[in-house]
Amino acid sequence: MNRSNTSLAIFTWLFLLSACSSSSSIAPDTEGGPASSGGDSGSRPGQGGATDDSSTPTGGPTGGTTGATSAGTGNTAADGGGGTVSVAICVPATCAGLGITCGEISDTCGNTLPCGTCAQGQICSPTSKTCVAQSEACGGGNGCGFVSDACGNGFACSKSCGFGTKCENNLCSACNPIACDGRCGNIPDGCGSVQACGTCPTGQVCDAIAFTCGACQKVTCANYPATTCGTLSNGCGGVISCPCASGGTTIPRACDEAGAECGKIGDHCSAVVTYDCGSCAGGKVCTNNKCATCVPKTCASAGKNCGTMDDGCGNKLTCGTCQTNEICTSNVCTSCTPKTCTSAGKNCGTLDDGCGNKLTCGTCQTNEICSSNVCKSCTPKT
């Protein structure tokens, strides 16, 4: 081969090599998916993940969700790579961050935050959940009726409305008395007085609760549903008092919400409000507002041998009496040397010998008086 033919062959080979290299380096990945999803199951590698820009918090002022990202290096799980992985991280809110000083709030991450209680004379505002003066919540010193705090506790305002007025929106305003409208008897007129609404026709009686006329059909507490209690109509113009179920004891809703089975718990809004969650049944003791099985002490297990003591389960134990010249101290008999009138320097009246017995130390002579178990001269008045 001559020199010209050799040069042509080399030039042709370099041209083809350059074309192939350029084609493979700039060809787009038309078979792989988006970088964020890692692509499909094609055979070519992916171009890696892109940074997720969704990391801006979406919760409250101090809480929300942050997007954490990681970039993949391959197109599929099969080739060991992956696209962007986003993990939601919840940053809980705080009471201070939300400007709340009392009551409870959600921390935006599924939990409840207690934010404090208000002192006496203040209530937790249901709108701002901050402690405000009770008079302010009532609308001023002339406020009437009741206001509720953020926990639903009712507080009485200072002013009472007079006859002919009623309390509306915590202000006393003119009152229009309730009309009889077919009612009987003396009914409360809604303005602090009563309205005389007449009597019933012959053969009928005026119901003492509904103030309507009807035939007399006397009933007892057993005729009412078990959930009904208090002052009820007897069906013949009188009233009966029916006890509530479970002996009239109702467990406050706050105890249920707190999971308290016994004892007392505080309110989430007011330091002056507490709830009685009841007591435990026999054989159980209240520990941290939970009823737990109680193993009673005995005198022997407690190392006691005299007097009475609590068995730790609400019952009393009698542990015996001490012998002569012994005294019961903290339910344990200890040796005791009894005093005498002479050793105590006493000569009249009675005194304790220090071992649980009484001493008689004599009587005083004429013109003497017994003072602190000692006879002293006394000049009688004339």
Protein backbone atom coordinates (compact mmCIF):
# COMPACT_ATOMS: atom_id res chain seq x y z
CA MET A 1 0.00 0.00 0.00
CA ASN A 2 1.39 3.42 -1.00
CA ARG A 3 1.56 6.46 1.31
CA SER A 4 -1.64 8.15 -0.07
CA ASN A 5 -3.76 5.07 0.46
CA THR A 6 -2.44 4.66 4.00
CA SER A 7 -3.32 8.28 4.89
CA LEU A 8 -6.87 7.87 3.53
CA ALA A 9 -7.48 4.75 5.62
CA ILE A 10 -6.31 6.43 8.81
CA PHE A 11 -8.50 9.49 8.17
CA THR A 12 -11.58 7.31 7.53
CA TRP A 13 -11.00 5.31 10.76
CA LEU A 14 -10.65 8.50 12.86
CA PHE A 15 -13.87 9.97 11.38
CA LEU A 16 -15.93 6.86 12.17
CA LEU A 17 -14.52 6.65 15.73
CA SER A 18 -15.41 10.31 16.39
CA ALA A 19 -18.98 9.87 15.12
CA CYS A 20 -19.64 6.80 17.30
CA SER A 21 -18.24 8.45 20.44
CA SER A 22 -20.32 11.61 19.93
CA SER A 23 -23.53 9.66 19.38
CA SER A 24 -23.20 7.60 22.59
CA SER A 25 -22.37 10.60 24.81
CA ILE A 26 -25.19 12.95 23.87
CA ALA A 27 -28.08 10.57 23.28
CA PRO A 28 -30.95 11.30 25.75
CA ASP A 29 -32.28 8.61 28.00
CA THR A 30 -35.62 8.08 26.30
CA GLU A 31 -36.44 4.82 28.01
CA GLY A 32 -35.73 5.71 31.70
CA GLY A 33 -38.28 7.52 33.89
CA PRO A 34 -37.86 10.80 35.76
CA ALA A 35 -34.90 11.07 38.07
CA SER A 36 -37.21 11.47 41.04
CA SER A 37 -38.87 8.12 40.47
CA GLY A 38 -35.83 6.14 39.49
CA GLY A 39 -37.00 5.35 35.93
CA ASP A 40 -38.38 2.12 34.50
CA SER A 41 -36.74 -1.26 34.14
CA GLY A 42 -34.65 -0.31 31.14
CA SER A 43 -31.11 -1.57 30.83
CA ARG A 44 -29.35 1.79 30.84
CA PRO A 45 -28.35 3.47 34.17
CA GLY A 46 -30.32 6.51 35.34
CA GLN A 47 -28.94 9.95 35.74
CA GLY A 48 -29.37 10.09 39.58
CA GLY A 49 -31.99 11.81 41.76
CA ALA A 50 -32.75 15.49 41.97
CA THR A 51 -32.92 17.38 45.21
CA ASP A 52 -36.49 17.58 46.60
CA ASP A 53 -37.45 21.24 47.08
CA SER A 54 -40.42 20.38 49.34
CA SER A 55 -38.49 20.92 52.57
CA THR A 56 -40.38 24.07 53.56
CA PRO A 57 -42.24 23.45 56.92
CA THR A 58 -46.00 23.29 56.48
CA GLY A 59 -47.09 23.23 60.16
CA GLY A 60 -47.56 26.02 62.73
CA PRO A 61 -45.06 28.70 63.62
CA THR A 62 -42.74 26.22 65.26
CA GLY A 63 -44.04 22.94 63.93
CA GLY A 64 -44.66 21.26 60.63
CA THR A 65 -43.32 18.73 58.17
CA THR A 66 -39.84 18.85 56.70
CA GLY A 67 -39.03 16.90 53.53
CA ALA A 68 -35.73 15.00 53.74
CA THR A 69 -34.30 13.84 50.36
CA SER A 70 -31.62 11.53 49.03
CA ALA A 71 -30.44 11.23 45.43
CA GLY A 72 -30.21 7.86 43.69
CA THR A 73 -27.45 6.73 41.39
CA GLY A 74 -29.26 4.22 39.22
CA ASN A 75 -32.48 3.90 37.27
CA THR A 76 -34.01 0.82 38.89
CA ALA A 77 -33.88 -1.27 42.01
CA ALA A 78 -32.60 -4.07 39.84
CA ASP A 79 -29.41 -2.24 38.95
CA GLY A 80 -28.87 -1.06 42.57
CA GLY A 81 -29.93 2.55 42.02
CA GLY A 82 -33.00 4.65 42.79
CA GLY A 83 -34.53 8.06 42.44
CA THR A 84 -35.26 10.68 45.11
CA VAL A 85 -36.62 9.32 48.44
CA SER A 86 -38.71 11.82 50.48
CA VAL A 87 -39.15 11.22 54.23
CA ALA A 88 -41.61 13.43 56.19
CA ILE A 89 -40.21 14.55 59.57
CA CYS A 90 -42.73 16.22 61.91
CA VAL A 91 -41.39 19.05 64.07
CA PRO A 92 -43.77 19.48 67.06
CA ALA A 93 -45.14 22.89 67.92
CA THR A 94 -44.63 24.43 71.38
CA CYS A 95 -46.96 26.44 73.60
CA ALA A 96 -44.55 29.38 73.59
CA GLY A 97 -44.22 29.27 69.82
CA LEU A 98 -48.00 29.50 69.43
CA GLY A 99 -48.36 32.21 72.10
CA ILE A 100 -50.55 30.01 74.33
CA THR A 101 -50.21 30.08 78.14
CA CYS A 102 -53.08 27.89 79.38
CA GLY A 103 -55.27 24.96 78.41
CA GLU A 104 -54.28 22.29 75.92
CA ILE A 105 -53.34 22.33 72.23
CA SER A 106 -52.24 19.87 69.57
CA ASP A 107 -48.53 19.88 68.82
CA THR A 108 -49.38 19.27 65.10
CA CYS A 109 -47.73 15.86 65.33
CA GLY A 110 -50.59 13.91 66.92
CA ASN A 111 -49.87 14.68 70.58
CA THR A 112 -51.50 17.03 73.10
CA LEU A 113 -49.56 19.73 74.93
CA PRO A 114 -50.61 21.05 78.39
CA CYS A 115 -49.79 24.76 78.38
CA GLY A 116 -50.42 25.75 82.01
CA THR A 117 -53.23 26.80 84.35
CA CYS A 118 -54.60 30.19 85.40
CA ALA A 119 -54.52 31.52 88.96
CA GLN A 120 -57.58 32.40 91.02
CA GLY A 121 -59.36 35.47 89.63
CA GLN A 122 -58.29 34.64 86.07
CA ILE A 123 -59.73 32.35 83.41
CA CYS A 124 -58.27 30.78 80.30
CA SER A 125 -59.75 32.63 77.33
CA PRO A 126 -61.38 30.16 74.89
CA THR A 127 -60.32 32.31 71.93
CA SER A 128 -56.70 33.25 72.73
CA LYS A 129 -55.94 30.51 75.30
CA THR A 130 -54.20 33.05 77.49
CA CYS A 131 -55.02 33.95 81.10
CA VAL A 132 -57.27 37.02 81.38
CA ALA A 133 -59.00 38.66 84.35
CA GLN A 134 -62.41 37.12 85.05
CA SER A 135 -64.03 40.58 84.93
CA GLU A 136 -62.54 41.11 81.47
CA ALA A 137 -64.05 37.83 80.25
CA CYS A 138 -67.43 38.96 81.66
CA GLY A 139 -67.25 42.17 79.66
CA GLY A 140 -66.42 44.39 82.64
CA GLY A 141 -67.42 44.83 86.26
CA ASN A 142 -71.13 45.03 85.34
CA GLY A 143 -71.14 41.67 83.55
CA CYS A 144 -73.85 39.18 84.51
CA GLY A 145 -74.50 35.49 84.02
CA PHE A 146 -71.70 33.02 83.41
CA VAL A 147 -68.67 32.69 81.15
CA SER A 148 -66.82 29.53 80.16
CA ASP A 149 -63.08 29.07 79.88
CA ALA A 150 -61.17 27.07 77.27
CA CYS A 151 -61.81 23.85 79.23
CA GLY A 152 -65.58 24.38 79.57
CA ASN A 153 -65.50 25.41 83.24
CA GLY A 154 -68.23 27.93 84.13
CA PHE A 155 -67.50 31.08 86.15
CA ALA A 156 -70.12 33.47 87.55
CA CYS A 157 -69.88 37.16 86.68
CA SER A 158 -70.34 39.70 89.47
CA LYS A 159 -73.65 41.37 88.63
CA SER A 160 -77.15 39.99 89.24
CA CYS A 161 -79.99 41.30 87.08
CA GLY A 162 -83.06 42.72 88.84
CA PHE A 163 -86.73 41.87 88.35
CA GLY A 164 -88.00 42.64 84.91
CA THR A 165 -84.59 42.16 83.33
CA LYS A 166 -82.64 39.19 82.08
CA CYS A 167 -78.98 38.48 81.42
CA GLU A 168 -78.18 38.20 77.74
CA ASN A 169 -74.63 38.14 76.36
CA ASN A 170 -73.41 38.98 79.87
CA LEU A 171 -75.46 42.21 79.95
CA CYS A 172 -78.72 42.93 81.79
CA SER A 173 -81.49 43.87 79.36
CA ALA A 174 -85.27 44.34 79.44
CA CYS A 175 -87.16 41.06 79.70
CA ASN A 176 -90.49 40.08 78.10
CA PRO A 177 -92.31 37.65 80.43
CA ILE A 178 -93.22 34.20 79.11
CA ALA A 179 -96.91 34.00 78.18
CA CYS A 180 -99.13 31.30 79.64
CA ASP A 181 -100.04 29.89 76.19
CA GLY A 182 -102.15 27.03 77.53
CA ARG A 183 -100.08 26.41 80.64
CA CYS A 184 -101.48 26.10 84.14
CA GLY A 185 -100.33 26.89 87.65
CA ASN A 186 -97.70 29.44 88.62
CA ILE A 187 -94.89 29.23 86.05
CA PRO A 188 -91.49 30.99 86.12
CA ASP A 189 -91.81 33.86 83.65
CA GLY A 190 -88.10 33.96 82.77
CA CYS A 191 -87.74 37.44 84.28
CA GLY A 192 -87.24 36.54 87.93
CA SER A 193 -90.91 36.29 88.81
CA VAL A 194 -93.83 33.89 88.32
CA GLN A 195 -96.84 34.05 86.07
CA ALA A 196 -100.27 32.91 87.33
CA CYS A 197 -101.73 30.80 84.53
CA GLY A 198 -104.96 29.54 86.08
CA THR A 199 -106.32 26.16 87.06
CA CYS A 200 -107.30 23.01 85.17
CA PRO A 201 -110.82 21.82 84.30
CA THR A 202 -112.60 19.48 86.73
CA GLY A 203 -111.10 15.97 86.66
CA GLN A 204 -107.67 17.15 85.54
CA VAL A 205 -104.52 18.15 87.43
CA CYS A 206 -101.73 20.59 86.60
CA ASP A 207 -98.40 18.81 86.08
CA ALA A 208 -95.85 20.30 88.51
CA ILE A 209 -92.98 20.12 85.98
CA ALA A 210 -94.57 20.68 82.54
CA PHE A 211 -97.35 23.04 83.82
CA THR A 212 -99.91 21.41 81.54
CA CYS A 213 -103.35 19.96 82.39
CA GLY A 214 -104.06 16.24 82.17
CA ALA A 215 -105.63 13.24 83.88
CA CYS A 216 -104.00 12.05 87.08
CA GLN A 217 -101.79 9.00 86.42
CA LYS A 218 -99.53 8.53 89.39
CA VAL A 219 -96.03 7.18 88.67
CA THR A 220 -92.94 6.28 90.67
CA CYS A 221 -89.23 6.45 89.93
CA ALA A 222 -89.43 2.93 88.47
CA ASN A 223 -91.63 4.25 85.62
CA TYR A 224 -88.83 6.53 84.40
CA PRO A 225 -85.79 5.38 82.38
CA ALA A 226 -82.82 4.31 84.52
CA THR A 227 -80.78 7.25 83.22
CA THR A 228 -83.37 9.79 84.48
CA CYS A 229 -82.98 11.15 88.00
CA GLY A 230 -83.53 14.21 90.16
CA THR A 231 -86.82 16.03 90.74
CA LEU A 232 -89.52 14.54 88.48
CA SER A 233 -93.30 14.75 88.15
CA ASN A 234 -95.41 12.14 89.95
CA GLY A 235 -98.13 12.49 87.28
CA CYS A 236 -100.71 13.86 89.70
CA GLY A 237 -99.59 17.41 90.38
CA GLY A 238 -96.72 16.62 92.74
CA VAL A 239 -93.03 15.81 92.45
CA ILE A 240 -90.79 12.88 93.41
CA SER A 241 -87.02 12.74 93.95
CA CYS A 242 -85.37 9.89 92.07
CA PRO A 243 -81.76 8.85 92.82
CA CYS A 244 -79.29 8.70 89.97
CA ALA A 245 -77.76 5.42 88.82
CA SER A 246 -74.60 4.22 90.62
CA GLY A 247 -75.65 5.95 93.83
CA GLY A 248 -75.74 9.37 92.25
CA THR A 249 -72.00 9.42 91.58
CA THR A 250 -70.96 10.61 88.14
CA ILE A 251 -67.33 10.42 87.08
CA PRO A 252 -66.33 13.76 85.50
CA ARG A 253 -65.48 13.69 81.80
CA ALA A 254 -62.04 15.12 82.62
CA CYS A 255 -61.24 11.92 84.54
CA ASP A 256 -62.12 9.78 81.51
CA GLU A 257 -60.03 11.97 79.21
CA ALA A 258 -57.04 11.74 81.56
CA GLY A 259 -57.49 7.99 82.12
CA ALA A 260 -57.81 8.59 85.89
CA GLU A 261 -59.64 5.82 87.76
CA CYS A 262 -59.53 7.29 91.27
CA GLY A 263 -58.33 10.16 93.42
CA LYS A 264 -58.31 13.81 92.36
CA ILE A 265 -56.79 15.50 89.32
CA GLY A 266 -56.26 19.13 88.42
CA ASP A 267 -57.86 21.05 85.58
CA HIS A 268 -55.88 22.03 82.46
CA CYS A 269 -57.13 25.62 82.55
CA SER A 270 -57.64 26.69 86.17
CA ALA A 271 -55.55 26.02 89.26
CA VAL A 272 -58.66 26.33 91.48
CA VAL A 273 -60.63 23.58 89.70
CA THR A 274 -60.14 19.91 90.64
CA TYR A 275 -62.05 16.76 89.74
CA ASP A 276 -62.90 13.87 92.06
CA CYS A 277 -62.42 10.66 90.09
CA GLY A 278 -63.84 8.37 92.80
CA SER A 279 -62.35 5.65 94.95
CA CYS A 280 -61.22 2.07 94.34
CA ALA A 281 -63.20 -1.04 95.16
CA GLY A 282 -62.25 -3.24 98.13
CA GLY A 283 -58.85 -4.86 97.91
CA LYS A 284 -57.42 -2.13 95.67
CA VAL A 285 -55.60 1.09 96.43
CA CYS A 286 -55.35 4.32 94.43
CA THR A 287 -51.80 4.88 93.15
CA ASN A 288 -51.13 7.70 90.66
CA ASN A 289 -54.88 7.85 89.92
CA LYS A 290 -54.95 4.14 89.01
CA CYS A 291 -56.60 1.35 91.03
CA ALA A 292 -53.99 -1.30 91.80
CA THR A 293 -54.29 -4.57 93.69
CA CYS A 294 -53.31 -4.02 97.31
CA VAL A 295 -51.54 -6.57 99.53
CA PRO A 296 -52.50 -5.65 103.13
CA LYS A 297 -49.86 -5.44 105.83
CA THR A 298 -50.09 -7.47 109.03
CA CYS A 299 -48.86 -6.42 112.46
CA ALA A 300 -46.11 -9.05 112.20
CA SER A 301 -45.00 -8.07 108.66
CA ALA A 302 -44.83 -4.43 109.75
CA GLY A 303 -42.92 -5.31 112.94
CA LYS A 304 -45.61 -3.83 115.22
CA ASN A 305 -47.05 -5.30 118.44
CA CYS A 306 -49.35 -2.71 120.01
CA GLY A 307 -51.99 -0.10 119.25
CA THR A 308 -53.82 0.28 115.96
CA MET A 309 -52.39 0.94 112.49
CA ASP A 310 -53.44 1.16 108.85
CA ASP A 311 -52.93 -2.01 106.80
CA GLY A 312 -52.14 0.06 103.68
CA CYS A 313 -55.37 -0.99 101.99
CA GLY A 314 -57.82 1.22 103.88
CA ASN A 315 -58.42 -1.05 106.88
CA LYS A 316 -57.33 -0.84 110.54
CA LEU A 317 -55.28 -3.42 112.40
CA THR A 318 -55.27 -3.95 116.19
CA CYS A 319 -51.81 -5.12 117.22
CA GLY A 320 -52.28 -5.74 120.95
CA THR A 321 -51.43 -4.06 124.27
CA CYS A 322 -48.19 -3.64 126.22
CA GLN A 323 -47.29 -5.17 129.57
CA THR A 324 -46.80 -3.34 132.85
CA ASN A 325 -43.93 -0.83 132.76
CA GLU A 326 -44.06 -0.78 128.93
CA ILE A 327 -45.36 1.95 126.67
CA CYS A 328 -46.60 1.79 123.06
CA THR A 329 -44.46 4.09 120.92
CA SER A 330 -45.06 4.04 117.14
CA ASN A 331 -46.92 0.74 117.59
CA VAL A 332 -43.97 -0.92 119.31
CA CYS A 333 -43.81 -1.77 123.05
CA THR A 334 -40.76 -0.31 124.74
CA SER A 335 -39.57 -0.50 128.35
CA CYS A 336 -40.72 2.34 130.57
CA THR A 337 -39.65 3.38 134.07
CA PRO A 338 -42.72 4.96 135.69
CA LYS A 339 -42.47 8.25 137.51
CA THR A 340 -43.60 8.64 141.12
CA CYS A 341 -45.15 11.68 142.74
CA THR A 342 -41.94 12.17 144.70
CA SER A 343 -39.56 11.77 141.72
CA ALA A 344 -41.67 14.21 139.79
CA GLY A 345 -41.74 16.67 142.73
CA LYS A 346 -45.54 16.63 142.91
CA ASN A 347 -47.74 16.41 146.00
CA CYS A 348 -51.33 16.88 144.90
CA GLY A 349 -53.81 16.03 142.17
CA THR A 350 -53.28 13.39 139.49
CA LEU A 351 -50.60 13.09 136.82
CA ASP A 352 -49.36 10.65 134.17
CA ASP A 353 -46.55 8.36 135.28
CA GLY A 354 -45.06 8.39 131.74
CA CYS A 355 -46.00 4.75 131.16
CA GLY A 356 -49.69 5.18 130.49
CA ASN A 357 -50.90 5.08 134.10
CA LYS A 358 -52.28 7.73 136.42
CA LEU A 359 -50.81 8.72 139.79
CA THR A 360 -52.75 10.25 142.70
CA CYS A 361 -50.43 12.54 144.62
CA GLY A 362 -52.67 13.64 147.52
CA THR A 363 -54.67 16.70 148.56
CA CYS A 364 -53.70 20.12 149.88
CA GLN A 365 -54.38 21.51 153.37
CA THR A 366 -56.71 24.36 154.31
CA ASN A 367 -55.69 27.69 152.79
CA GLU A 368 -53.67 25.84 150.08
CA ILE A 369 -54.45 25.34 146.40
CA CYS A 370 -53.15 22.66 144.01
CA SER A 371 -51.36 24.38 141.13
CA SER A 372 -49.55 22.18 138.55
CA ASN A 373 -49.72 19.29 141.03
CA VAL A 374 -47.99 21.31 143.77
CA CYS A 375 -49.70 22.71 146.88
CA LYS A 376 -49.32 26.47 147.25
CA SER A 377 -50.44 28.85 149.98
CA CYS A 378 -53.66 30.66 149.24
CA THR A 379 -55.19 33.65 151.08
CA PRO A 380 -58.95 33.45 150.69
CA LYS A 381 -60.92 36.55 149.72
CA THR A 382 -63.54 37.95 152.12
